Amino acid sequence: MADPQYTCAQCHEIRPTHERWKNSVHSEVSCVECHGTAVSNGFHSLKEKIGMVVSHFTKDVGNSDIKLTEKQRLDIMERCQTCHKAEYAKWQGGAHSTIYGNIFEDKVHNREEKPYWDCLRCHGMFYDGNIHDLMSLEGECESWRIKDPRQRKLPAIPCMACHQIHMEKGKIPNFKNSSESKIASPSIPKTAFYSRADKAHFRTDELADVKRYLGYKQIKVSQDPNAKLCYNCHSPNWQRQARTSDDRTPVGVHEGMSCLVCHDAHSNAASDSCAKCHDVSIDAYKFKPGSGCPNFLIKPFLNGQTPKP
């Protein structure tokens, strides 16, 4: 297997990506294991690679970095399970494995809000076109549909919605000498937010802090980088009021907690969350699917009262 230093990295379009890969968590994994070869997907793959070569010699690409198509990303996602079997299986069983058809052809939701370009910010962030390329939106909402039947079955929130393949590897703890306190360097998170507008990933620990309010009162929000990733899609209305729109910010006695305290990182399941802190033999603390947080823990806070411990 050829060294990518003498293959992929020879093209200036690839060099920035190659440099990131060398310092990434996947630096011990060769390019072809994730990206495949020129003939991995038969004629389609060969045609694609030939197109890259033609573009290289016919276009002024400068030092620009290449961008993956949605199909390329989904092909890579299928290879993720080679090493990440447990995580992939959990993702498949969770809500984030939903397909385009479930999102964009949901007639109940479409009656409330017509699909528009910003839907692709969270659902279908790697789609290669715009909302009008994706959907036929003529007539009443009952007739709105995805134009390409093949697109309907594709995952709308794949692995790279939350992960960057060339994410910088975590630093080895840099302990000071024994005469000083032994404090390790901060670790680099395993998650990254993909901005469709910028067509780039951003480390979650570099995302801006968020603010949430209940009425005029600002509430405490977890600064866990992984939770910041969740906030970008599960966001409130323009007034940043907690629990509006698709916001899931914990309030009441759970104020300030990270999403991942209760939710599994890949399946999103929260069935065992109460048991982490509470005696679930007490009926009030038993997890009931679809019920969310027990009302007696939330309602007093929403009414301006102090919940009992």
C-alpha atoms as a PDB file:
ATOM      1  CA  MET A   1       0.000   0.000   0.000  1.00  0.00           C
ATOM      2  CA  ALA A   2       1.565   3.269  -1.114  1.00  0.00           C
ATOM      3  CA  ASP A   3       2.515   5.961   1.376  1.00  0.00           C
ATOM      4  CA  PRO A   4      -0.003   8.839   1.023  1.00  0.00           C
ATOM      5  CA  GLN A   5       2.953  11.208   1.360  1.00  0.00           C
ATOM      6  CA  TYR A   6       3.887  10.144  -2.169  1.00  0.00           C
ATOM      7  CA  THR A   7       0.365   9.749  -3.580  1.00  0.00           C
ATOM      8  CA  CYS A   8      -2.521  11.804  -2.193  1.00  0.00           C
ATOM      9  CA  ALA A   9      -0.315  14.525  -0.734  1.00  0.00           C
ATOM     10  CA  GLN A  10       1.378  15.219  -4.046  1.00  0.00           C
ATOM     11  CA  CYS A  11      -1.590  17.364  -5.147  1.00  0.00           C
ATOM     12  CA  HIS A  12      -1.769  20.825  -3.600  1.00  0.00           C
ATOM     13  CA  GLU A  13      -5.543  20.408  -3.210  1.00  0.00           C
ATOM     14  CA  ILE A  14      -4.859  17.550  -0.801  1.00  0.00           C
ATOM     15  CA  ARG A  15      -1.978  18.977   1.225  1.00  0.00           C
ATOM     16  CA  PRO A  16      -4.027  20.881   3.847  1.00  0.00           C
ATOM     17  CA  THR A  17      -6.125  17.760   4.477  1.00  0.00           C
ATOM     18  CA  HIS A  18      -3.022  15.574   4.590  1.00  0.00           C
ATOM     19  CA  GLU A  19      -1.411  17.847   7.184  1.00  0.00           C
ATOM     20  CA  ARG A  20      -4.513  17.662   9.384  1.00  0.00           C
ATOM     21  CA  TRP A  21      -4.590  13.877   9.002  1.00  0.00           C
ATOM     22  CA  LYS A  22      -0.956  13.549  10.179  1.00  0.00           C
ATOM     23  CA  ASN A  23      -1.891  15.222  13.481  1.00  0.00           C
ATOM     24  CA  SER A  24      -5.284  13.580  13.854  1.00  0.00           C
ATOM     25  CA  VAL A  25      -6.683  10.699  15.893  1.00  0.00           C
ATOM     26  CA  HIS A  26      -6.713   8.666  12.658  1.00  0.00           C
ATOM     27  CA  SER A  27      -3.073   9.281  11.764  1.00  0.00           C
ATOM     28  CA  GLU A  28      -2.353   5.546  12.076  1.00  0.00           C
ATOM     29  CA  VAL A  29      -5.171   4.748   9.631  1.00  0.00           C
ATOM     30  CA  SER A  30      -4.231   4.949   5.951  1.00  0.00           C
ATOM     31  CA  CYS A  31      -6.206   7.149   3.543  1.00  0.00           C
ATOM     32  CA  VAL A  32      -7.645   4.229   1.562  1.00  0.00           C
ATOM     33  CA  GLU A  33      -9.125   2.570   4.656  1.00  0.00           C
ATOM     34  CA  CYS A  34     -11.586   5.445   4.990  1.00  0.00           C
ATOM     35  CA  HIS A  35     -11.690   6.944   1.501  1.00  0.00           C
ATOM     36  CA  GLY A  36     -11.241   3.818  -0.606  1.00  0.00           C
ATOM     37  CA  THR A  37      -9.283   3.560  -3.829  1.00  0.00           C
ATOM     38  CA  ALA A  38      -9.945   4.783  -7.349  1.00  0.00           C
ATOM     39  CA  VAL A  39     -11.871   1.577  -8.054  1.00  0.00           C
ATOM     40  CA  SER A  40     -13.503   0.960  -4.649  1.00  0.00           C
ATOM     41  CA  ASN A  41     -16.981   1.741  -5.962  1.00  0.00           C
ATOM     42  CA  GLY A  42     -16.490   0.490  -9.488  1.00  0.00           C
ATOM     43  CA  PHE A  43     -17.026   2.739 -12.483  1.00  0.00           C
ATOM     44  CA  HIS A  44     -18.536   5.566 -10.402  1.00  0.00           C
ATOM     45  CA  SER A  45     -15.422   5.815  -8.235  1.00  0.00           C
ATOM     46  CA  LEU A  46     -13.071   5.644 -11.227  1.00  0.00           C
ATOM     47  CA  LYS A  47     -15.067   8.350 -13.050  1.00  0.00           C
ATOM     48  CA  GLU A  48     -14.938  10.532  -9.946  1.00  0.00           C
ATOM     49  CA  LYS A  49     -11.160  10.234  -9.585  1.00  0.00           C
ATOM     50  CA  ILE A  50     -10.598  10.908 -13.282  1.00  0.00           C
ATOM     51  CA  GLY A  51     -12.770  14.013 -12.874  1.00  0.00           C
ATOM     52  CA  MET A  52     -10.504  15.209 -10.063  1.00  0.00           C
ATOM     53  CA  VAL A  53      -7.438  14.796 -12.267  1.00  0.00           C
ATOM     54  CA  VAL A  54      -9.120  16.672 -15.130  1.00  0.00           C
ATOM     55  CA  SER A  55     -10.127  19.484 -12.740  1.00  0.00           C
ATOM     56  CA  HIS A  56      -6.577  19.638 -11.448  1.00  0.00           C
ATOM     57  CA  PHE A  57      -5.185  20.415 -14.884  1.00  0.00           C
ATOM     58  CA  THR A  58      -8.011  22.541 -16.290  1.00  0.00           C
ATOM     59  CA  LYS A  59      -9.091  24.754 -13.379  1.00  0.00           C
ATOM     60  CA  ASP A  60      -7.364  27.386 -11.309  1.00  0.00           C
ATOM     61  CA  VAL A  61      -7.795  25.602  -7.986  1.00  0.00           C
ATOM     62  CA  GLY A  62      -4.933  27.454  -6.283  1.00  0.00           C
ATOM     63  CA  ASN A  63      -4.315  25.979  -2.847  1.00  0.00           C
ATOM     64  CA  SER A  64      -7.971  25.323  -2.126  1.00  0.00           C
ATOM     65  CA  ASP A  65      -8.917  22.281  -0.096  1.00  0.00           C
ATOM     66  CA  ILE A  66     -11.173  19.719  -1.752  1.00  0.00           C
ATOM     67  CA  LYS A  67     -14.661  19.105  -0.354  1.00  0.00           C
ATOM     68  CA  LEU A  68     -16.372  15.754  -0.078  1.00  0.00           C
ATOM     69  CA  THR A  69     -19.758  15.169  -1.648  1.00  0.00           C
ATOM     70  CA  GLU A  70     -22.600  13.742   0.422  1.00  0.00           C
ATOM     71  CA  LYS A  71     -22.174  10.348  -1.240  1.00  0.00           C
ATOM     72  CA  GLN A  72     -18.479  10.306  -0.389  1.00  0.00           C
ATOM     73  CA  ARG A  73     -19.275  11.090   3.238  1.00  0.00           C
ATOM     74  CA  LEU A  74     -21.865   8.324   3.415  1.00  0.00           C
ATOM     75  CA  ASP A  75     -19.401   5.876   1.856  1.00  0.00           C
ATOM     76  CA  ILE A  76     -16.894   6.815   4.563  1.00  0.00           C
ATOM     77  CA  MET A  77     -19.576   6.408   7.230  1.00  0.00           C
ATOM     78  CA  GLU A  78     -20.117   2.819   6.131  1.00  0.00           C
ATOM     79  CA  ARG A  79     -16.417   2.227   6.756  1.00  0.00           C
ATOM     80  CA  CYS A  80     -16.590   3.821  10.223  1.00  0.00           C
ATOM     81  CA  GLN A  81     -18.274   0.689  11.547  1.00  0.00           C
ATOM     82  CA  THR A  82     -15.154  -1.354  10.758  1.00  0.00           C
ATOM     83  CA  CYS A  83     -13.526   0.092  13.895  1.00  0.00           C
ATOM     84  CA  HIS A  84     -16.495   1.669  15.686  1.00  0.00           C
ATOM     85  CA  LYS A  85     -18.968  -1.231  15.692  1.00  0.00           C
ATOM     86  CA  ALA A  86     -20.612  -0.485  19.057  1.00  0.00           C
ATOM     87  CA  GLU A  87     -21.025   3.231  18.361  1.00  0.00           C
ATOM     88  CA  TYR A  88     -22.393   2.566  14.874  1.00  0.00           C
ATOM     89  CA  ALA A  89     -24.911   0.033  16.201  1.00  0.00           C
ATOM     90  CA  LYS A  90     -26.121   2.514  18.820  1.00  0.00           C
ATOM     91  CA  TRP A  91     -26.441   5.240  16.196  1.00  0.00           C
ATOM     92  CA  GLN A  92     -28.520   2.913  14.022  1.00  0.00           C
ATOM     93  CA  GLY A  93     -30.894   2.297  16.920  1.00  0.00           C
ATOM     94  CA  GLY A  94     -31.181   5.976  17.864  1.00  0.00           C
ATOM     95  CA  ALA A  95     -33.157   8.963  16.624  1.00  0.00           C
ATOM     96  CA  HIS A  96     -30.203  10.492  14.771  1.00  0.00           C
ATOM     97  CA  SER A  97     -30.180   7.651  12.219  1.00  0.00           C
ATOM     98  CA  THR A  98     -33.405   9.042  10.747  1.00  0.00           C
ATOM     99  CA  ILE A  99     -33.661   9.261   6.964  1.00  0.00           C
ATOM    100  CA  TYR A 100     -34.558  12.167   4.659  1.00  0.00           C
ATOM    101  CA  GLY A 101     -38.047  10.779   4.045  1.00  0.00           C
ATOM    102  CA  ASN A 102     -38.923  10.829   7.741  1.00  0.00           C
ATOM    103  CA  ILE A 103     -37.816  14.444   8.083  1.00  0.00           C
ATOM    104  CA  PHE A 104     -38.899  16.182   4.903  1.00  0.00           C
ATOM    105  CA  GLU A 105     -42.047  14.205   4.096  1.00  0.00           C
ATOM    106  CA  ASP A 106     -43.559  14.418   7.577  1.00  0.00           C
ATOM    107  CA  LYS A 107     -46.987  15.830   6.670  1.00  0.00           C
ATOM    108  CA  VAL A 108     -47.875  16.698  10.275  1.00  0.00           C
ATOM    109  CA  HIS A 109     -44.773  18.869  10.657  1.00  0.00           C
ATOM    110  CA  ASN A 110     -45.091  20.282   7.145  1.00  0.00           C
ATOM    111  CA  ARG A 111     -48.583  21.582   7.941  1.00  0.00           C
ATOM    112  CA  GLU A 112     -47.023  23.678  10.712  1.00  0.00           C
ATOM    113  CA  GLU A 113     -43.894  24.795   8.873  1.00  0.00           C
ATOM    114  CA  LYS A 114     -42.955  24.590   5.212  1.00  0.00           C
ATOM    115  CA  PRO A 115     -39.479  23.100   4.575  1.00  0.00           C
ATOM    116  CA  TYR A 116     -36.976  25.831   3.754  1.00  0.00           C
ATOM    117  CA  TRP A 117     -33.232  26.246   3.302  1.00  0.00           C
ATOM    118  CA  ASP A 118     -32.362  26.358   7.015  1.00  0.00           C
ATOM    119  CA  CYS A 119     -33.804  22.867   7.582  1.00  0.00           C
ATOM    120  CA  LEU A 120     -30.637  21.596   5.903  1.00  0.00           C
ATOM    121  CA  ARG A 121     -28.522  23.201   8.629  1.00  0.00           C
ATOM    122  CA  CYS A 122     -29.301  20.225  10.897  1.00  0.00           C
ATOM    123  CA  HIS A 123     -31.081  17.682   8.676  1.00  0.00           C
ATOM    124  CA  GLY A 124     -29.139  16.952   5.520  1.00  0.00           C
ATOM    125  CA  MET A 125     -26.249  19.310   6.229  1.00  0.00           C
ATOM    126  CA  PHE A 126     -24.124  17.539   3.599  1.00  0.00           C
ATOM    127  CA  TYR A 127     -26.765  17.653   0.863  1.00  0.00           C
ATOM    128  CA  ASP A 128     -25.169  18.963  -2.321  1.00  0.00           C
ATOM    129  CA  GLY A 129     -28.034  21.266  -3.363  1.00  0.00           C
ATOM    130  CA  ASN A 130     -30.667  23.521  -1.793  1.00  0.00           C
ATOM    131  CA  ILE A 131     -34.179  22.814  -0.540  1.00  0.00           C
ATOM    132  CA  HIS A 132     -35.679  23.308  -4.013  1.00  0.00           C
ATOM    133  CA  ASP A 133     -33.208  20.829  -5.503  1.00  0.00           C
ATOM    134  CA  LEU A 134     -34.249  18.362  -2.816  1.00  0.00           C
ATOM    135  CA  MET A 135     -38.009  18.826  -2.812  1.00  0.00           C
ATOM    136  CA  SER A 136     -40.993  19.600  -4.975  1.00  0.00           C
ATOM    137  CA  LEU A 137     -42.911  22.176  -2.925  1.00  0.00           C
ATOM    138  CA  GLU A 138     -45.725  23.016  -5.313  1.00  0.00           C
ATOM    139  CA  GLY A 139     -49.349  22.961  -4.196  1.00  0.00           C
ATOM    140  CA  GLU A 140     -50.554  21.913  -0.737  1.00  0.00           C
ATOM    141  CA  CYS A 141     -48.293  20.270   1.841  1.00  0.00           C
ATOM    142  CA  GLU A 142     -49.833  16.837   1.208  1.00  0.00           C
ATOM    143  CA  SER A 143     -48.215  16.868  -2.228  1.00  0.00           C
ATOM    144  CA  TRP A 144     -44.755  18.034  -1.136  1.00  0.00           C
ATOM    145  CA  ARG A 145     -42.193  15.313  -1.775  1.00  0.00           C
ATOM    146  CA  ILE A 146     -38.513  14.557  -2.208  1.00  0.00           C
ATOM    147  CA  LYS A 147     -37.751  14.568  -5.922  1.00  0.00           C
ATOM    148  CA  ASP A 148     -35.225  11.707  -5.984  1.00  0.00           C
ATOM    149  CA  PRO A 149     -36.656   8.488  -4.432  1.00  0.00           C
ATOM    150  CA  ARG A 150     -33.097   7.324  -3.655  1.00  0.00           C
ATOM    151  CA  GLN A 151     -32.488  10.410  -1.501  1.00  0.00           C
ATOM    152  CA  ARG A 152     -35.533   9.583   0.600  1.00  0.00           C
ATOM    153  CA  LYS A 153     -33.793   6.573   2.131  1.00  0.00           C
ATOM    154  CA  LEU A 154     -30.441   8.213   2.923  1.00  0.00           C
ATOM    155  CA  PRO A 155     -29.482   9.093   6.531  1.00  0.00           C
ATOM    156  CA  ALA A 156     -30.069  12.778   7.247  1.00  0.00           C
ATOM    157  CA  ILE A 157     -27.697  12.995  10.250  1.00  0.00           C
ATOM    158  CA  PRO A 158     -24.641  10.798   9.516  1.00  0.00           C
ATOM    159  CA  CYS A 159     -21.526  10.317  11.639  1.00  0.00           C
ATOM    160  CA  MET A 160     -19.777  13.407  10.293  1.00  0.00           C
ATOM    161  CA  ALA A 161     -22.607  15.625  11.502  1.00  0.00           C
ATOM    162  CA  CYS A 162     -20.976  15.343  14.941  1.00  0.00           C
ATOM    163  CA  HIS A 163     -17.481  14.056  14.187  1.00  0.00           C
ATOM    164  CA  GLN A 164     -14.559  15.251  12.112  1.00  0.00           C
ATOM    165  CA  ILE A 165     -12.392  12.465  10.682  1.00  0.00           C
ATOM    166  CA  HIS A 166      -9.241  14.581  10.806  1.00  0.00           C
ATOM    167  CA  MET A 167      -9.912  15.872  14.327  1.00  0.00           C
ATOM    168  CA  GLU A 168      -6.728  16.843  16.136  1.00  0.00           C
ATOM    169  CA  LYS A 169      -5.697  14.116  18.566  1.00  0.00           C
ATOM    170  CA  GLY A 170      -5.978  14.756  22.296  1.00  0.00           C
ATOM    171  CA  LYS A 171      -2.892  15.993  24.040  1.00  0.00           C
ATOM    172  CA  ILE A 172      -0.958  13.707  26.354  1.00  0.00           C
ATOM    173  CA  PRO A 173      -1.379  15.061  29.902  1.00  0.00           C
ATOM    174  CA  ASN A 174       1.442  17.507  30.532  1.00  0.00           C
ATOM    175  CA  PHE A 175       2.058  17.150  34.264  1.00  0.00           C
ATOM    176  CA  LYS A 176       4.238  19.696  35.990  1.00  0.00           C
ATOM    177  CA  ASN A 177       7.152  18.620  38.178  1.00  0.00           C
ATOM    178  CA  SER A 178       6.436  17.075  41.569  1.00  0.00           C
ATOM    179  CA  SER A 179       6.967  20.350  43.456  1.00  0.00           C
ATOM    180  CA  GLU A 180       3.930  21.869  41.731  1.00  0.00           C
ATOM    181  CA  SER A 181       0.310  20.779  41.435  1.00  0.00           C
ATOM    182  CA  LYS A 182      -0.146  18.050  38.870  1.00  0.00           C
ATOM    183  CA  ILE A 183      -2.757  19.485  36.528  1.00  0.00           C
ATOM    184  CA  ALA A 184      -3.136  17.866  33.129  1.00  0.00           C
ATOM    185  CA  SER A 185      -3.572  19.807  29.914  1.00  0.00           C
ATOM    186  CA  PRO A 186      -7.195  20.103  28.790  1.00  0.00           C
ATOM    187  CA  SER A 187      -8.227  17.296  26.460  1.00  0.00           C
ATOM    188  CA  ILE A 188      -9.525  17.898  22.948  1.00  0.00           C
ATOM    189  CA  PRO A 189     -13.184  16.836  22.550  1.00  0.00           C
ATOM    190  CA  LYS A 190     -14.120  14.033  20.185  1.00  0.00           C
ATOM    191  CA  THR A 191     -16.957  16.026  18.659  1.00  0.00           C
ATOM    192  CA  ALA A 192     -17.079  18.799  16.074  1.00  0.00           C
ATOM    193  CA  PHE A 193     -19.875  20.978  14.717  1.00  0.00           C
ATOM    194  CA  TYR A 194     -20.265  21.069  10.944  1.00  0.00           C
ATOM    195  CA  SER A 195     -21.308  24.436   9.556  1.00  0.00           C
ATOM    196  CA  ARG A 196     -23.115  23.981   6.251  1.00  0.00           C
ATOM    197  CA  ALA A 197     -22.603  27.667   5.446  1.00  0.00           C
ATOM    198  CA  ASP A 198     -18.813  27.423   5.893  1.00  0.00           C
ATOM    199  CA  LYS A 199     -18.568  23.817   4.695  1.00  0.00           C
ATOM    200  CA  ALA A 200     -16.202  23.169   7.579  1.00  0.00           C
ATOM    201  CA  HIS A 201     -16.051  21.530  10.998  1.00  0.00           C
ATOM    202  CA  PHE A 202     -15.384  23.460  14.206  1.00  0.00           C
ATOM    203  CA  ARG A 203     -14.175  21.894  17.441  1.00  0.00           C
ATOM    204  CA  THR A 204     -16.957  21.976  20.010  1.00  0.00           C
ATOM    205  CA  ASP A 205     -14.723  23.459  22.715  1.00  0.00           C
ATOM    206  CA  GLU A 206     -14.234  26.467  20.419  1.00  0.00           C
ATOM    207  CA  LEU A 207     -17.954  27.147  19.937  1.00  0.00           C
ATOM    208  CA  ALA A 208     -19.422  30.285  21.461  1.00  0.00           C
ATOM    209  CA  ASP A 209     -21.069  30.122  24.880  1.00  0.00           C
ATOM    210  CA  VAL A 210     -24.843  30.137  24.802  1.00  0.00           C
ATOM    211  CA  LYS A 211     -27.424  31.883  26.963  1.00  0.00           C
ATOM    212  CA  ARG A 212     -30.888  30.624  27.903  1.00  0.00           C
ATOM    213  CA  TYR A 213     -33.700  32.350  29.757  1.00  0.00           C
ATOM    214  CA  LEU A 214     -36.900  31.454  31.551  1.00  0.00           C
ATOM    215  CA  GLY A 215     -38.863  34.669  31.281  1.00  0.00           C
ATOM    216  CA  TYR A 216     -36.391  37.390  32.298  1.00  0.00           C
ATOM    217  CA  LYS A 217     -34.258  35.046  34.388  1.00  0.00           C
ATOM    218  CA  GLN A 218     -31.053  33.719  32.830  1.00  0.00           C
ATOM    219  CA  ILE A 219     -30.539  30.077  33.697  1.00  0.00           C
ATOM    220  CA  LYS A 220     -27.331  28.121  34.033  1.00  0.00           C
ATOM    221  CA  VAL A 221     -26.288  26.184  30.918  1.00  0.00           C
ATOM    222  CA  SER A 222     -23.728  23.381  30.810  1.00  0.00           C
ATOM    223  CA  GLN A 223     -20.377  24.323  29.285  1.00  0.00           C
ATOM    224  CA  ASP A 224     -19.637  20.724  28.300  1.00  0.00           C
ATOM    225  CA  PRO A 225     -18.322  20.990  24.701  1.00  0.00           C
ATOM    226  CA  ASN A 226     -20.475  18.031  23.676  1.00  0.00           C
ATOM    227  CA  ALA A 227     -23.570  19.773  25.005  1.00  0.00           C
ATOM    228  CA  LYS A 228     -22.649  22.859  22.985  1.00  0.00           C
ATOM    229  CA  LEU A 229     -22.867  20.663  19.922  1.00  0.00           C
ATOM    230  CA  CYS A 230     -26.403  19.620  20.889  1.00  0.00           C
ATOM    231  CA  TYR A 231     -27.419  23.269  21.434  1.00  0.00           C
ATOM    232  CA  ASN A 232     -26.656  24.167  17.827  1.00  0.00           C
ATOM    233  CA  CYS A 233     -29.484  21.997  16.503  1.00  0.00           C
ATOM    234  CA  HIS A 234     -31.712  21.700  19.547  1.00  0.00           C
ATOM    235  CA  SER A 235     -32.066  25.446  19.770  1.00  0.00           C
ATOM    236  CA  PRO A 236     -34.804  27.746  21.175  1.00  0.00           C
ATOM    237  CA  ASN A 237     -36.725  30.621  19.623  1.00  0.00           C
ATOM    238  CA  TRP A 238     -35.148  33.972  18.796  1.00  0.00           C
ATOM    239  CA  GLN A 239     -35.663  35.128  22.406  1.00  0.00           C
ATOM    240  CA  ARG A 240     -33.548  32.178  23.605  1.00  0.00           C
ATOM    241  CA  GLN A 241     -36.307  30.989  25.901  1.00  0.00           C
ATOM    242  CA  ALA A 242     -35.616  27.510  27.278  1.00  0.00           C
ATOM    243  CA  ARG A 243     -38.010  24.788  26.201  1.00  0.00           C
ATOM    244  CA  THR A 244     -39.208  26.656  23.102  1.00  0.00           C
ATOM    245  CA  SER A 245     -38.885  25.359  19.530  1.00  0.00           C
ATOM    246  CA  ASP A 246     -36.610  22.309  19.684  1.00  0.00           C
ATOM    247  CA  ASP A 247     -34.699  23.397  22.787  1.00  0.00           C
ATOM    248  CA  ARG A 248     -33.997  20.730  25.421  1.00  0.00           C
ATOM    249  CA  THR A 249     -32.050  22.820  27.956  1.00  0.00           C
ATOM    250  CA  PRO A 250     -32.436  21.226  31.418  1.00  0.00           C
ATOM    251  CA  VAL A 251     -34.295  23.401  33.920  1.00  0.00           C
ATOM    252  CA  GLY A 252     -35.473  22.971  37.491  1.00  0.00           C
ATOM    253  CA  VAL A 253     -33.319  20.727  39.652  1.00  0.00           C
ATOM    254  CA  HIS A 254     -31.462  19.585  36.543  1.00  0.00           C
ATOM    255  CA  GLU A 255     -30.415  23.101  35.558  1.00  0.00           C
ATOM    256  CA  GLY A 256     -26.818  23.264  34.345  1.00  0.00           C
ATOM    257  CA  MET A 257     -26.481  19.557  33.586  1.00  0.00           C
ATOM    258  CA  SER A 258     -24.936  18.372  30.335  1.00  0.00           C
ATOM    259  CA  CYS A 259     -27.114  16.519  27.823  1.00  0.00           C
ATOM    260  CA  LEU A 260     -24.777  13.537  28.107  1.00  0.00           C
ATOM    261  CA  VAL A 261     -25.474  13.091  31.801  1.00  0.00           C
ATOM    262  CA  CYS A 262     -28.783  11.540  30.766  1.00  0.00           C
ATOM    263  CA  HIS A 263     -28.440  10.711  27.076  1.00  0.00           C
ATOM    264  CA  ASP A 264     -26.184   8.111  25.517  1.00  0.00           C
ATOM    265  CA  ALA A 265     -23.811   9.830  23.111  1.00  0.00           C
ATOM    266  CA  HIS A 266     -24.764   7.717  20.083  1.00  0.00           C
ATOM    267  CA  SER A 267     -28.163   6.118  20.679  1.00  0.00           C
ATOM    268  CA  ASN A 268     -29.518   9.201  22.510  1.00  0.00           C
ATOM    269  CA  ALA A 269     -31.295   6.770  24.833  1.00  0.00           C
ATOM    270  CA  ALA A 270     -32.119   8.069  28.296  1.00  0.00           C
ATOM    271  CA  SER A 271     -33.826   4.973  29.717  1.00  0.00           C
ATOM    272  CA  ASP A 272     -31.161   4.454  32.411  1.00  0.00           C
ATOM    273  CA  SER A 273     -30.609   8.118  33.171  1.00  0.00           C
ATOM    274  CA  CYS A 274     -32.734   8.405  36.323  1.00  0.00           C
ATOM    275  CA  ALA A 275     -30.978   5.411  37.882  1.00  0.00           C
ATOM    276  CA  LYS A 276     -27.643   7.232  37.719  1.00  0.00           C
ATOM    277  CA  CYS A 277     -28.702   9.577  40.509  1.00  0.00           C
ATOM    278  CA  HIS A 278     -32.048   8.407  41.914  1.00  0.00           C
ATOM    279  CA  ASP A 279     -33.574   5.388  43.621  1.00  0.00           C
ATOM    280  CA  VAL A 280     -35.747   4.099  40.787  1.00  0.00           C
ATOM    281  CA  SER A 281     -37.640   1.794  43.130  1.00  0.00           C
ATOM    282  CA  ILE A 282     -39.587   4.962  43.969  1.00  0.00           C
ATOM    283  CA  ASP A 283     -42.302   5.311  41.349  1.00  0.00           C
ATOM    284  CA  ALA A 284     -41.741   9.046  40.879  1.00  0.00           C
ATOM    285  CA  TYR A 285     -38.204   8.370  39.627  1.00  0.00           C
ATOM    286  CA  LYS A 286     -39.053   5.509  37.279  1.00  0.00           C
ATOM    287  CA  PHE A 287     -38.308   6.334  33.684  1.00  0.00           C
ATOM    288  CA  LYS A 288     -41.426   6.444  31.543  1.00  0.00           C
ATOM    289  CA  PRO A 289     -40.746   6.544  27.779  1.00  0.00           C
ATOM    290  CA  GLY A 290     -41.852   9.799  26.222  1.00  0.00           C
ATOM    291  CA  SER A 291     -42.517  11.464  29.562  1.00  0.00           C
ATOM    292  CA  GLY A 292     -39.219  13.336  29.894  1.00  0.00           C
ATOM    293  CA  CYS A 293     -38.313  14.786  33.271  1.00  0.00           C
ATOM    294  CA  PRO A 294     -40.911  14.164  36.039  1.00  0.00           C
ATOM    295  CA  ASN A 295     -43.266  17.158  36.124  1.00  0.00           C
ATOM    296  CA  PHE A 296     -42.957  17.683  39.851  1.00  0.00           C
ATOM    297  CA  LEU A 297     -39.282  18.566  39.300  1.00  0.00           C
ATOM    298  CA  ILE A 298     -40.004  21.151  36.580  1.00  0.00           C
ATOM    299  CA  LYS A 299     -43.361  22.826  37.174  1.00  0.00           C
ATOM    300  CA  PRO A 300     -42.522  24.545  40.501  1.00  0.00           C
ATOM    301  CA  PHE A 301     -39.452  26.103  38.876  1.00  0.00           C
ATOM    302  CA  LEU A 302     -41.425  27.302  35.877  1.00  0.00           C
ATOM    303  CA  ASN A 303     -43.922  28.900  38.249  1.00  0.00           C
ATOM    304  CA  GLY A 304     -41.184  30.825  40.048  1.00  0.00           C
ATOM    305  CA  GLN A 305     -41.070  28.515  43.076  1.00  0.00           C
ATOM    306  CA  THR A 306     -38.100  26.673  44.511  1.00  0.00           C
ATOM    307  CA  PRO A 307     -38.336  22.896  43.932  1.00  0.00           C
ATOM    308  CA  LYS A 308     -37.980  20.694  46.967  1.00  0.00           C
ATOM    309  CA  PRO A 309     -34.816  18.596  47.064  1.00  0.00           C
END
